């Protein structure tokens, strides 16, 4: 297990360095598009839980100001998911025009490679969620936030936000209990296939 953890961290460092390098190249163009489209910062830091700790996950901003407050305020009754604490709207009014493009091609997630380099996230792991969402986890899944969350993971490549609440948790639970180098490689390969051939699926 120790050898796996060392190999996983080594892969995280190498992968995150590549990801950060790509982000640096993209940054001027993405930043300009975001700033022209709407007011606000280029990169936002969002509250998520990983290894039992509250961390700030970095993303290129894809939403308008006060999006978090709107999610738990006036937009709450419009949530199209009714099976758990997760929020989804197919036509989310919080998304900016540029944000829709960034999300479609997962460009908004490139700053998360900084989190991986810092050791807060892994390339592969359970999906990181907000503290408010984790508070609703059933008892049998309360251990999931104690694992290191990942940019991609077993649940993400199986449908991510389109999955039922308990199905997503069960897939992440499977990963935590069966993680291995071969499973990690399969998940990374599946993620790349989705990004290049079906960017709307992740």
N, C-alpha and C. Protein backbone atom coordinates (compact mmCIF):
# COMPACT_ATOMS: atom_id res chain seq x y z
N UNK A 1 0.83 -1.21 0.00
CA UNK A 1 0.00 0.00 0.00
C UNK A 1 0.86 1.26 0.00
N UNK A 2 1.98 1.21 0.75
CA UNK A 2 2.87 2.36 0.81
C UNK A 2 3.47 2.64 -0.56
N UNK A 3 3.86 1.56 -1.26
CA UNK A 3 4.44 1.74 -2.60
C UNK A 3 3.42 2.34 -3.55
N UNK A 4 2.15 1.95 -3.40
CA UNK A 4 1.09 2.51 -4.24
C UNK A 4 0.94 4.00 -3.96
N UNK A 5 0.94 4.39 -2.69
CA UNK A 5 0.79 5.80 -2.33
C UNK A 5 1.94 6.63 -2.87
N UNK A 6 3.15 6.08 -2.81
CA UNK A 6 4.31 6.80 -3.36
C UNK A 6 4.19 6.95 -4.87
N UNK A 7 3.78 5.87 -5.54
CA UNK A 7 3.61 5.92 -6.99
C UNK A 7 2.49 6.89 -7.37
N UNK A 8 1.42 6.89 -6.58
CA UNK A 8 0.28 7.77 -6.86
C UNK A 8 0.69 9.23 -6.71
N UNK A 9 1.44 9.53 -5.65
CA UNK A 9 1.87 10.91 -5.44
C UNK A 9 2.84 11.35 -6.53
N UNK A 10 3.72 10.43 -6.95
CA UNK A 10 4.65 10.75 -8.03
C UNK A 10 3.90 11.06 -9.32
N UNK A 11 2.88 10.25 -9.62
CA UNK A 11 2.06 10.49 -10.81
C UNK A 11 1.31 11.81 -10.68
N UNK A 12 0.85 12.12 -9.47
CA UNK A 12 0.15 13.39 -9.24
C UNK A 12 1.07 14.58 -9.54
N UNK A 13 2.30 14.50 -9.08
CA UNK A 13 3.24 15.61 -9.28
C UNK A 13 3.55 15.79 -10.76
N UNK A 14 3.84 14.68 -11.43
CA UNK A 14 4.15 14.76 -12.86
C UNK A 14 2.94 15.26 -13.65
N UNK A 15 1.78 14.67 -13.38
CA UNK A 15 0.56 15.06 -14.09
C UNK A 15 0.18 16.51 -13.83
N UNK A 16 0.33 16.96 -12.59
CA UNK A 16 -0.05 18.33 -12.26
C UNK A 16 0.91 19.35 -12.88
N UNK A 17 2.19 18.98 -12.97
CA UNK A 17 3.15 19.88 -13.62
C UNK A 17 2.80 20.07 -15.10
N UNK A 18 2.41 18.98 -15.75
CA UNK A 18 1.98 19.06 -17.15
C UNK A 18 0.72 19.91 -17.25
N UNK A 19 -0.23 19.66 -16.33
CA UNK A 19 -1.49 20.41 -16.35
C UNK A 19 -1.28 21.90 -16.09
N UNK A 20 -0.41 22.24 -15.15
CA UNK A 20 -0.13 23.64 -14.85
C UNK A 20 0.54 24.31 -16.05
N UNK A 21 1.44 23.59 -16.72
CA UNK A 21 2.11 24.13 -17.90
C UNK A 21 1.10 24.47 -18.99
N UNK A 22 0.13 23.58 -19.20
CA UNK A 22 -0.92 23.84 -20.19
C UNK A 22 -1.77 25.02 -19.76
N UNK A 23 -2.07 25.10 -18.46
CA UNK A 23 -2.88 26.20 -17.94
C UNK A 23 -2.20 27.55 -18.16
N UNK A 24 -0.89 27.58 -17.98
CA UNK A 24 -0.14 28.83 -18.17
C UNK A 24 -0.26 29.31 -19.62
N UNK A 25 -0.23 28.36 -20.55
CA UNK A 25 -0.37 28.72 -21.97
C UNK A 25 -1.79 29.23 -22.25
N UNK A 26 -2.78 28.59 -21.65
CA UNK A 26 -4.18 28.96 -21.89
C UNK A 26 -4.58 30.24 -21.16
N UNK A 27 -3.92 30.52 -20.06
CA UNK A 27 -4.37 31.57 -19.14
C UNK A 27 -4.65 32.92 -19.82
N UNK A 28 -3.74 33.48 -20.62
CA UNK A 28 -4.02 34.80 -21.19
C UNK A 28 -5.31 34.84 -22.01
N UNK A 29 -5.55 33.79 -22.78
CA UNK A 29 -6.74 33.75 -23.64
C UNK A 29 -8.02 33.53 -22.81
N UNK A 30 -7.95 32.61 -21.86
CA UNK A 30 -9.11 32.34 -21.01
C UNK A 30 -9.43 33.55 -20.14
N UNK A 31 -8.40 34.16 -19.57
CA UNK A 31 -8.60 35.33 -18.70
C UNK A 31 -9.23 36.47 -19.46
N UNK A 32 -8.76 36.73 -20.66
CA UNK A 32 -9.31 37.82 -21.47
C UNK A 32 -10.78 37.55 -21.79
N UNK A 33 -11.10 36.33 -22.17
CA UNK A 33 -12.49 35.99 -22.50
C UNK A 33 -13.40 36.15 -21.28
N UNK A 34 -12.93 35.71 -20.12
CA UNK A 34 -13.73 35.82 -18.89
C UNK A 34 -13.97 37.28 -18.52
N UNK A 35 -12.93 38.09 -18.58
CA UNK A 35 -13.03 39.50 -18.17
C UNK A 35 -13.88 40.32 -19.13
N UNK A 36 -13.84 39.98 -20.42
CA UNK A 36 -14.67 40.68 -21.40
C UNK A 36 -16.14 40.31 -21.22
N UNK A 37 -16.37 39.06 -20.88
CA UNK A 37 -17.74 38.54 -20.80
C UNK A 37 -18.50 39.01 -19.55
N UNK A 38 -17.83 39.08 -18.41
CA UNK A 38 -18.53 39.44 -17.18
C UNK A 38 -17.56 39.95 -16.12
N UNK A 39 -18.09 40.63 -15.14
CA UNK A 39 -17.25 41.19 -14.08
C UNK A 39 -16.95 40.13 -13.03
N UNK A 40 -15.74 40.20 -12.47
CA UNK A 40 -15.36 39.25 -11.43
C UNK A 40 -13.95 38.73 -11.65
N UNK A 41 -13.47 37.91 -10.72
CA UNK A 41 -12.11 37.36 -10.83
C UNK A 41 -12.00 36.33 -11.94
N UNK A 42 -10.80 36.10 -12.41
CA UNK A 42 -10.56 35.08 -13.43
C UNK A 42 -10.62 33.69 -12.81
N UNK A 43 -9.99 33.55 -11.65
CA UNK A 43 -9.96 32.27 -10.93
C UNK A 43 -10.69 32.42 -9.61
N UNK A 44 -11.53 31.44 -9.29
CA UNK A 44 -12.26 31.44 -8.02
C UNK A 44 -11.76 30.28 -7.16
N UNK A 45 -11.92 30.41 -5.85
CA UNK A 45 -11.54 29.37 -4.90
C UNK A 45 -12.80 28.89 -4.20
N UNK A 46 -13.18 27.65 -4.46
CA UNK A 46 -14.44 27.11 -3.97
C UNK A 46 -14.22 26.15 -2.80
N UNK A 47 -15.12 26.21 -1.82
CA UNK A 47 -15.03 25.32 -0.66
C UNK A 47 -15.36 23.89 -1.04
N UNK A 48 -14.44 22.99 -0.79
CA UNK A 48 -14.64 21.57 -1.00
C UNK A 48 -13.97 20.81 0.15
N UNK A 49 -14.30 19.53 0.29
CA UNK A 49 -13.72 18.71 1.35
C UNK A 49 -12.87 17.60 0.74
N UNK A 50 -11.65 17.45 1.27
CA UNK A 50 -10.74 16.41 0.83
C UNK A 50 -9.91 15.97 2.03
N UNK A 51 -9.79 14.68 2.23
CA UNK A 51 -9.07 14.12 3.38
C UNK A 51 -9.59 14.66 4.71
N UNK A 52 -10.90 14.89 4.75
CA UNK A 52 -11.53 15.35 5.97
C UNK A 52 -11.30 16.81 6.29
N UNK A 53 -10.70 17.55 5.36
CA UNK A 53 -10.39 18.96 5.60
C UNK A 53 -11.07 19.85 4.56
N UNK A 54 -11.41 21.04 4.99
CA UNK A 54 -11.97 22.03 4.06
C UNK A 54 -10.82 22.65 3.28
N UNK A 55 -10.89 22.59 1.97
CA UNK A 55 -9.86 23.18 1.12
C UNK A 55 -10.50 24.14 0.13
N UNK A 56 -9.68 24.93 -0.50
CA UNK A 56 -10.13 25.84 -1.55
C UNK A 56 -9.72 25.24 -2.89
N UNK A 57 -10.69 24.85 -3.68
CA UNK A 57 -10.42 24.28 -4.99
C UNK A 57 -10.49 25.38 -6.04
N UNK A 58 -9.44 25.48 -6.84
CA UNK A 58 -9.34 26.55 -7.83
C UNK A 58 -10.00 26.17 -9.15
N UNK A 59 -10.70 27.14 -9.73
CA UNK A 59 -11.31 26.95 -11.04
C UNK A 59 -11.33 28.28 -11.79
N UNK A 60 -11.29 28.19 -13.12
CA UNK A 60 -11.57 29.38 -13.90
C UNK A 60 -13.05 29.72 -13.67
N UNK A 61 -13.34 30.98 -13.43
CA UNK A 61 -14.71 31.37 -13.12
C UNK A 61 -15.62 31.15 -14.33
N UNK A 62 -16.69 30.40 -14.11
CA UNK A 62 -17.66 30.13 -15.17
C UNK A 62 -19.04 30.67 -14.83
N UNK A 63 -19.17 31.25 -13.63
CA UNK A 63 -20.48 31.75 -13.18
C UNK A 63 -20.42 33.22 -12.80
N UNK A 64 -21.59 33.81 -12.69
CA UNK A 64 -21.70 35.20 -12.28
C UNK A 64 -21.53 35.32 -10.77
N UNK A 65 -21.45 36.56 -10.32
CA UNK A 65 -21.27 36.83 -8.89
C UNK A 65 -22.44 36.28 -8.08
N UNK A 66 -22.16 35.93 -6.82
CA UNK A 66 -23.18 35.45 -5.87
C UNK A 66 -23.84 34.14 -6.31
N UNK A 67 -23.15 33.33 -7.12
CA UNK A 67 -23.75 32.09 -7.61
C UNK A 67 -24.03 31.11 -6.47
N UNK A 68 -23.15 31.08 -5.46
CA UNK A 68 -23.35 30.15 -4.35
C UNK A 68 -24.59 30.52 -3.55
N UNK A 69 -24.77 31.82 -3.31
CA UNK A 69 -25.95 32.28 -2.56
C UNK A 69 -27.24 31.99 -3.34
N UNK A 70 -27.19 32.17 -4.65
CA UNK A 70 -28.36 31.90 -5.48
C UNK A 70 -28.73 30.42 -5.45
N UNK A 71 -27.71 29.56 -5.41
CA UNK A 71 -27.94 28.11 -5.40
C UNK A 71 -28.76 27.70 -4.19
N UNK A 72 -28.46 28.27 -3.04
CA UNK A 72 -29.18 27.91 -1.82
C UNK A 72 -30.28 28.92 -1.49
N UNK A 73 -30.52 29.86 -2.41
CA UNK A 73 -31.56 30.86 -2.20
C UNK A 73 -32.68 30.74 -3.20
N UNK A 74 -32.77 31.72 -4.08
CA UNK A 74 -33.92 31.77 -4.99
C UNK A 74 -33.96 30.67 -6.02
N UNK A 75 -32.80 30.05 -6.32
CA UNK A 75 -32.79 28.97 -7.32
C UNK A 75 -33.05 27.60 -6.72
N UNK A 76 -33.00 27.49 -5.40
CA UNK A 76 -33.19 26.19 -4.75
C UNK A 76 -34.47 25.46 -5.18
N UNK A 77 -35.62 26.16 -5.29
CA UNK A 77 -36.85 25.47 -5.71
C UNK A 77 -36.80 24.96 -7.15
N UNK A 78 -35.84 25.48 -7.94
CA UNK A 78 -35.74 25.10 -9.35
C UNK A 78 -34.76 23.95 -9.58
N UNK A 79 -34.20 23.43 -8.51
CA UNK A 79 -33.27 22.31 -8.62
C UNK A 79 -33.96 21.12 -9.30
N UNK A 80 -33.35 20.61 -10.36
CA UNK A 80 -33.94 19.51 -11.12
C UNK A 80 -33.59 18.14 -10.53
N UNK A 81 -32.76 18.14 -9.49
CA UNK A 81 -32.44 16.90 -8.81
C UNK A 81 -33.19 16.83 -7.50
N UNK A 82 -33.85 15.71 -7.26
CA UNK A 82 -34.67 15.55 -6.06
C UNK A 82 -34.29 14.29 -5.27
N UNK A 83 -33.13 13.73 -5.58
CA UNK A 83 -32.72 12.48 -4.94
C UNK A 83 -31.63 12.67 -3.90
N UNK A 84 -31.28 13.92 -3.59
CA UNK A 84 -30.19 14.17 -2.65
C UNK A 84 -29.84 15.65 -2.60
N UNK A 85 -28.68 15.98 -2.04
CA UNK A 85 -28.32 17.39 -1.84
C UNK A 85 -27.68 18.07 -3.05
N UNK A 86 -27.40 17.34 -4.12
CA UNK A 86 -26.72 17.93 -5.26
C UNK A 86 -27.67 18.83 -6.06
N UNK A 87 -27.09 19.83 -6.72
CA UNK A 87 -27.88 20.82 -7.44
C UNK A 87 -27.57 20.73 -8.93
N UNK A 88 -28.64 20.78 -9.76
CA UNK A 88 -28.44 20.77 -11.20
C UNK A 88 -29.60 21.46 -11.90
N UNK A 89 -29.23 22.33 -12.85
CA UNK A 89 -30.20 22.95 -13.75
C UNK A 89 -29.62 22.88 -15.15
N UNK A 90 -30.36 22.33 -16.08
CA UNK A 90 -29.86 22.23 -17.44
C UNK A 90 -29.60 23.60 -18.05
N UNK A 91 -30.41 24.57 -17.70
CA UNK A 91 -30.20 25.95 -18.17
C UNK A 91 -29.94 26.83 -16.95
N UNK A 92 -28.80 26.62 -16.35
CA UNK A 92 -28.44 27.33 -15.13
C UNK A 92 -28.18 28.80 -15.46
N UNK A 93 -28.99 29.73 -14.93
CA UNK A 93 -28.83 31.15 -15.24
C UNK A 93 -27.57 31.76 -14.65
N UNK A 94 -26.91 31.05 -13.77
CA UNK A 94 -25.68 31.56 -13.16
C UNK A 94 -24.49 31.48 -14.10
N UNK A 95 -24.56 30.59 -15.09
CA UNK A 95 -23.45 30.41 -16.03
C UNK A 95 -23.31 31.59 -16.97
N UNK A 96 -22.08 32.03 -17.19
CA UNK A 96 -21.83 33.06 -18.18
C UNK A 96 -21.72 32.42 -19.56
N UNK A 97 -21.70 33.25 -20.59
CA UNK A 97 -21.56 32.70 -21.95
C UNK A 97 -20.22 31.99 -22.12
N UNK A 98 -19.17 32.63 -21.65
CA UNK A 98 -17.85 32.01 -21.72
C UNK A 98 -17.80 30.79 -20.81
N UNK A 99 -18.46 30.89 -19.66
CA UNK A 99 -18.47 29.78 -18.71
C UNK A 99 -19.05 28.52 -19.30
N UNK A 100 -20.05 28.64 -20.14
CA UNK A 100 -20.64 27.46 -20.78
C UNK A 100 -19.62 26.74 -21.65
N UNK A 101 -18.81 27.52 -22.36
CA UNK A 101 -17.77 26.92 -23.22
C UNK A 101 -16.68 26.29 -22.37
N UNK A 102 -16.27 27.00 -21.32
CA UNK A 102 -15.22 26.48 -20.44
C UNK A 102 -15.65 25.15 -19.82
N UNK A 103 -16.89 25.07 -19.41
CA UNK A 103 -17.38 23.84 -18.78
C UNK A 103 -17.55 22.70 -19.79
N UNK A 104 -18.00 23.04 -20.98
CA UNK A 104 -18.22 22.02 -21.99
C UNK A 104 -16.94 21.25 -22.28
N UNK A 105 -15.82 21.99 -22.33
CA UNK A 105 -14.54 21.36 -22.66
C UNK A 105 -13.66 21.18 -21.42
N UNK A 106 -14.25 21.35 -20.23
CA UNK A 106 -13.58 21.14 -18.95
C UNK A 106 -12.38 22.04 -18.74
N UNK A 107 -12.31 23.14 -19.47
CA UNK A 107 -11.19 24.07 -19.32
C UNK A 107 -11.23 24.75 -17.97
N UNK A 108 -12.43 24.91 -17.41
CA UNK A 108 -12.56 25.58 -16.11
C UNK A 108 -11.83 24.83 -15.00
N UNK A 109 -11.55 23.55 -15.20
CA UNK A 109 -10.96 22.74 -14.15
C UNK A 109 -9.43 22.72 -14.16
N UNK A 110 -8.80 23.33 -15.15
CA UNK A 110 -7.34 23.31 -15.22
C UNK A 110 -6.65 23.87 -13.98
N UNK A 111 -7.17 24.93 -13.35
CA UNK A 111 -6.50 25.42 -12.14
C UNK A 111 -6.45 24.40 -11.00
N UNK A 112 -7.27 23.35 -11.07
CA UNK A 112 -7.23 22.33 -10.03
C UNK A 112 -5.90 21.57 -10.01
N UNK A 113 -5.15 21.66 -11.10
CA UNK A 113 -3.82 21.03 -11.10
C UNK A 113 -2.93 21.68 -10.05
N UNK A 114 -3.21 22.93 -9.71
CA UNK A 114 -2.47 23.59 -8.63
C UNK A 114 -2.77 22.89 -7.31
N UNK A 115 -4.05 22.53 -7.09
CA UNK A 115 -4.42 21.79 -5.88
C UNK A 115 -3.72 20.44 -5.82
N UNK A 116 -3.59 19.79 -6.98
CA UNK A 116 -2.91 18.49 -7.02
C UNK A 116 -1.43 18.67 -6.68
N UNK A 117 -0.80 19.68 -7.25
CA UNK A 117 0.60 19.94 -6.98
C UNK A 117 0.84 20.24 -5.51
N UNK A 118 -0.12 20.91 -4.87
CA UNK A 118 -0.02 21.24 -3.44
C UNK A 118 -0.31 20.02 -2.55
N UNK A 119 -0.84 18.95 -3.14
CA UNK A 119 -1.14 17.76 -2.37
C UNK A 119 -2.53 17.75 -1.76
N UNK A 120 -3.38 18.72 -2.14
CA UNK A 120 -4.73 18.80 -1.60
C UNK A 120 -5.70 17.89 -2.34
N UNK A 121 -5.45 17.68 -3.61
CA UNK A 121 -6.24 16.78 -4.44
C UNK A 121 -5.31 15.78 -5.10
N UNK A 122 -5.90 14.74 -5.67
CA UNK A 122 -5.15 13.79 -6.47
C UNK A 122 -5.68 13.85 -7.90
N UNK A 123 -4.95 13.30 -8.84
CA UNK A 123 -5.47 13.23 -10.20
C UNK A 123 -6.72 12.36 -10.23
N UNK A 124 -6.70 11.27 -9.45
CA UNK A 124 -7.83 10.33 -9.40
C UNK A 124 -8.27 10.16 -7.96
N UNK A 125 -9.57 10.26 -7.73
CA UNK A 125 -10.10 10.09 -6.38
C UNK A 125 -11.60 10.34 -6.37
N UNK A 126 -12.23 10.23 -5.22
CA UNK A 126 -13.66 10.54 -5.12
C UNK A 126 -13.93 11.99 -5.53
N UNK A 127 -15.10 12.24 -6.01
CA UNK A 127 -15.45 13.59 -6.43
C UNK A 127 -15.52 14.53 -5.22
N UNK A 128 -14.85 15.69 -5.28
CA UNK A 128 -14.90 16.63 -4.15
C UNK A 128 -16.24 17.36 -4.10
N UNK A 129 -16.82 17.43 -2.91
CA UNK A 129 -18.12 18.08 -2.78
C UNK A 129 -18.07 19.16 -1.70
N UNK A 130 -19.12 19.98 -1.70
CA UNK A 130 -19.22 21.06 -0.73
C UNK A 130 -19.56 20.51 0.65
N UNK A 131 -19.17 21.23 1.71
CA UNK A 131 -19.51 20.78 3.07
C UNK A 131 -21.02 20.61 3.27
N UNK A 132 -21.81 21.48 2.65
CA UNK A 132 -23.26 21.40 2.79
C UNK A 132 -23.82 20.11 2.18
N UNK A 133 -23.16 19.64 1.11
CA UNK A 133 -23.60 18.41 0.46
C UNK A 133 -23.17 17.18 1.27
N UNK A 134 -21.95 17.22 1.77
CA UNK A 134 -21.42 16.09 2.54
C UNK A 134 -22.23 15.86 3.82
N UNK A 135 -22.80 16.91 4.36
CA UNK A 135 -23.60 16.78 5.58
C UNK A 135 -24.79 15.85 5.38
N UNK A 136 -25.19 15.61 4.12
CA UNK A 136 -26.34 14.75 3.83
C UNK A 136 -25.93 13.33 3.44
N UNK A 137 -24.65 12.99 3.51
CA UNK A 137 -24.22 11.64 3.17
C UNK A 137 -24.81 10.64 4.16
N UNK A 138 -25.34 9.51 3.69
CA UNK A 138 -25.78 8.44 4.60
C UNK A 138 -24.60 7.93 5.42
N UNK A 139 -24.88 7.32 6.54
CA UNK A 139 -23.83 6.87 7.46
C UNK A 139 -22.82 5.96 6.79
N UNK A 140 -23.27 5.09 5.87
CA UNK A 140 -22.35 4.12 5.25
C UNK A 140 -21.36 4.76 4.28
N UNK A 141 -21.56 6.06 3.98
CA UNK A 141 -20.65 6.74 3.07
C UNK A 141 -19.92 7.92 3.73
N UNK A 142 -20.01 8.02 5.04
CA UNK A 142 -19.38 9.14 5.74
C UNK A 142 -17.85 9.09 5.67
N UNK A 143 -17.31 7.93 5.28
CA UNK A 143 -15.85 7.81 5.18
C UNK A 143 -15.30 8.43 3.89
N UNK A 144 -16.15 8.66 2.90
CA UNK A 144 -15.67 9.15 1.61
C UNK A 144 -14.95 10.49 1.69
N UNK A 145 -15.45 11.47 2.47
CA UNK A 145 -14.74 12.74 2.55
C UNK A 145 -13.38 12.63 3.23
N UNK A 146 -13.09 11.50 3.87
CA UNK A 146 -11.79 11.31 4.52
C UNK A 146 -10.71 10.91 3.52
N UNK A 147 -11.13 10.47 2.34
CA UNK A 147 -10.18 10.12 1.28
C UNK A 147 -9.77 11.38 0.53
N UNK A 148 -8.63 11.32 -0.15
CA UNK A 148 -8.20 12.46 -0.95
C UNK A 148 -9.04 12.51 -2.22
N UNK A 149 -9.73 13.61 -2.42
CA UNK A 149 -10.58 13.77 -3.59
C UNK A 149 -9.73 13.93 -4.85
N UNK A 150 -10.36 13.73 -6.01
CA UNK A 150 -9.61 13.78 -7.26
C UNK A 150 -10.24 14.67 -8.32
N UNK A 151 -9.41 15.11 -9.25
CA UNK A 151 -9.91 15.89 -10.39
C UNK A 151 -10.86 15.02 -11.23
N UNK A 152 -10.49 13.76 -11.39
CA UNK A 152 -11.37 12.81 -12.04
C UNK A 152 -11.47 11.59 -11.13
N UNK A 153 -12.39 10.69 -11.46
CA UNK A 153 -12.58 9.54 -10.60
C UNK A 153 -13.55 8.54 -11.20
N UNK A 154 -13.79 7.49 -10.45
CA UNK A 154 -14.63 6.40 -10.95
C UNK A 154 -16.06 6.88 -11.22
N UNK A 155 -16.61 7.69 -10.33
CA UNK A 155 -17.97 8.18 -10.55
C UNK A 155 -18.01 9.19 -11.70
N UNK A 156 -16.94 10.02 -11.82
CA UNK A 156 -16.93 11.02 -12.88
C UNK A 156 -17.00 10.40 -14.27
N UNK A 157 -16.28 9.30 -14.48
CA UNK A 157 -16.26 8.68 -15.81
C UNK A 157 -17.46 7.77 -16.05
N UNK A 158 -18.30 7.62 -15.03
CA UNK A 158 -19.52 6.82 -15.17
C UNK A 158 -20.76 7.69 -15.35
N UNK A 159 -20.58 9.01 -15.41
CA UNK A 159 -21.73 9.87 -15.61
C UNK A 159 -21.76 11.11 -14.77
N UNK A 160 -20.92 11.17 -13.73
CA UNK A 160 -20.79 12.37 -12.88
C UNK A 160 -22.13 12.88 -12.40
N UNK A 161 -22.43 14.15 -12.71
CA UNK A 161 -23.63 14.80 -12.15
C UNK A 161 -24.94 14.21 -12.66
N UNK A 162 -24.89 13.37 -13.71
CA UNK A 162 -26.12 12.75 -14.21
C UNK A 162 -26.49 11.50 -13.40
N UNK A 163 -25.57 11.06 -12.55
CA UNK A 163 -25.84 9.86 -11.74
C UNK A 163 -26.77 10.17 -10.58
N UNK A 164 -27.59 9.21 -10.16
CA UNK A 164 -28.35 9.38 -8.93
C UNK A 164 -27.39 9.57 -7.76
N UNK A 165 -27.85 10.28 -6.75
CA UNK A 165 -27.02 10.61 -5.59
C UNK A 165 -26.33 9.38 -4.99
N UNK A 166 -27.10 8.36 -4.64
CA UNK A 166 -26.53 7.19 -3.99
C UNK A 166 -25.66 6.36 -4.94
N UNK A 167 -25.95 6.40 -6.24
CA UNK A 167 -25.13 5.69 -7.21
C UNK A 167 -23.75 6.31 -7.28
N UNK A 168 -23.68 7.65 -7.30
CA UNK A 168 -22.39 8.32 -7.32
C UNK A 168 -21.57 7.95 -6.08
N UNK A 169 -22.21 7.96 -4.92
CA UNK A 169 -21.51 7.63 -3.69
C UNK A 169 -21.03 6.18 -3.70
N UNK A 170 -21.84 5.28 -4.24
CA UNK A 170 -21.45 3.87 -4.26
C UNK A 170 -20.26 3.65 -5.19
N UNK A 171 -20.18 4.37 -6.29
CA UNK A 171 -19.05 4.25 -7.20
C UNK A 171 -17.77 4.79 -6.56
N UNK A 172 -17.88 5.92 -5.87
CA UNK A 172 -16.72 6.46 -5.17
C UNK A 172 -16.29 5.53 -4.03
N UNK A 173 -17.27 4.90 -3.40
CA UNK A 173 -16.98 3.95 -2.33
C UNK A 173 -16.21 2.75 -2.90
N UNK A 174 -16.62 2.27 -4.07
CA UNK A 174 -15.92 1.17 -4.73
C UNK A 174 -14.47 1.55 -5.00
N UNK A 175 -14.27 2.79 -5.50
CA UNK A 175 -12.90 3.21 -5.81
C UNK A 175 -12.03 3.26 -4.56
N UNK A 176 -12.55 3.84 -3.50
CA UNK A 176 -11.78 3.97 -2.25
C UNK A 176 -11.36 2.60 -1.73
N UNK A 177 -12.24 1.61 -1.88
CA UNK A 177 -11.96 0.28 -1.35
C UNK A 177 -11.14 -0.60 -2.30
N UNK A 178 -11.04 -0.21 -3.56
CA UNK A 178 -10.35 -1.05 -4.54
C UNK A 178 -9.30 -0.28 -5.34
N UNK A 179 -8.90 0.88 -4.89
CA UNK A 179 -7.96 1.68 -5.68
C UNK A 179 -6.64 0.94 -5.89
N UNK A 180 -6.11 1.13 -7.09
CA UNK A 180 -4.88 0.46 -7.49
C UNK A 180 -4.31 1.20 -8.70
N UNK A 181 -3.04 0.98 -9.02
CA UNK A 181 -2.46 1.64 -10.20
C UNK A 181 -3.22 1.32 -11.48
N UNK A 182 -3.65 0.06 -11.64
CA UNK A 182 -4.35 -0.31 -12.87
C UNK A 182 -5.71 0.38 -12.96
N UNK A 183 -6.42 0.50 -11.84
CA UNK A 183 -7.71 1.18 -11.84
C UNK A 183 -7.52 2.66 -12.12
N UNK A 184 -6.49 3.25 -11.53
CA UNK A 184 -6.20 4.67 -11.78
C UNK A 184 -5.93 4.91 -13.26
N UNK A 185 -5.14 4.05 -13.87
CA UNK A 185 -4.81 4.22 -15.29
C UNK A 185 -6.04 4.07 -16.17
N UNK A 186 -6.92 3.14 -15.82
CA UNK A 186 -8.16 2.96 -16.58
C UNK A 186 -9.03 4.21 -16.48
N UNK A 187 -9.11 4.80 -15.30
CA UNK A 187 -9.93 5.99 -15.10
C UNK A 187 -9.35 7.18 -15.87
N UNK A 188 -8.03 7.34 -15.82
CA UNK A 188 -7.39 8.43 -16.56
C UNK A 188 -7.60 8.25 -18.06
N UNK A 189 -7.44 7.02 -18.55
CA UNK A 189 -7.64 6.74 -19.97
C UNK A 189 -9.07 7.02 -20.39
N UNK A 190 -10.02 6.60 -19.56
CA UNK A 190 -11.43 6.83 -19.84
C UNK A 190 -11.75 8.33 -19.83
N UNK A 191 -11.12 9.07 -18.91
CA UNK A 191 -11.32 10.52 -18.84
C UNK A 191 -10.84 11.19 -20.11
N UNK A 192 -9.66 10.79 -20.60
CA UNK A 192 -9.11 11.39 -21.82
C UNK A 192 -9.99 11.08 -23.02
N UNK A 193 -10.49 9.85 -23.10
CA UNK A 193 -11.37 9.48 -24.21
C UNK A 193 -12.63 10.34 -24.21
N UNK A 194 -13.19 10.55 -23.01
CA UNK A 194 -14.41 11.36 -22.91
C UNK A 194 -14.13 12.80 -23.29
N UNK A 195 -13.01 13.35 -22.82
CA UNK A 195 -12.68 14.74 -23.09
C UNK A 195 -12.46 15.00 -24.58
N UNK A 196 -11.82 14.05 -25.27
CA UNK A 196 -11.53 14.25 -26.68
C UNK A 196 -12.68 13.89 -27.60
N UNK A 197 -13.51 12.94 -27.19
CA UNK A 197 -14.56 12.46 -28.10
C UNK A 197 -15.98 12.74 -27.62
N UNK A 198 -16.16 13.03 -26.35
CA UNK A 198 -17.50 13.35 -25.85
C UNK A 198 -17.38 14.26 -24.64
N UNK A 199 -16.97 15.54 -24.84
CA UNK A 199 -16.71 16.45 -23.71
C UNK A 199 -17.91 16.74 -22.84
N UNK A 200 -19.11 16.44 -23.29
CA UNK A 200 -20.29 16.72 -22.47
C UNK A 200 -20.59 15.60 -21.49
N UNK A 201 -19.86 14.49 -21.57
CA UNK A 201 -20.19 13.31 -20.76
C UNK A 201 -19.62 13.34 -19.36
N UNK A 202 -18.54 14.09 -19.13
CA UNK A 202 -17.90 14.10 -17.80
C UNK A 202 -18.58 15.10 -16.90
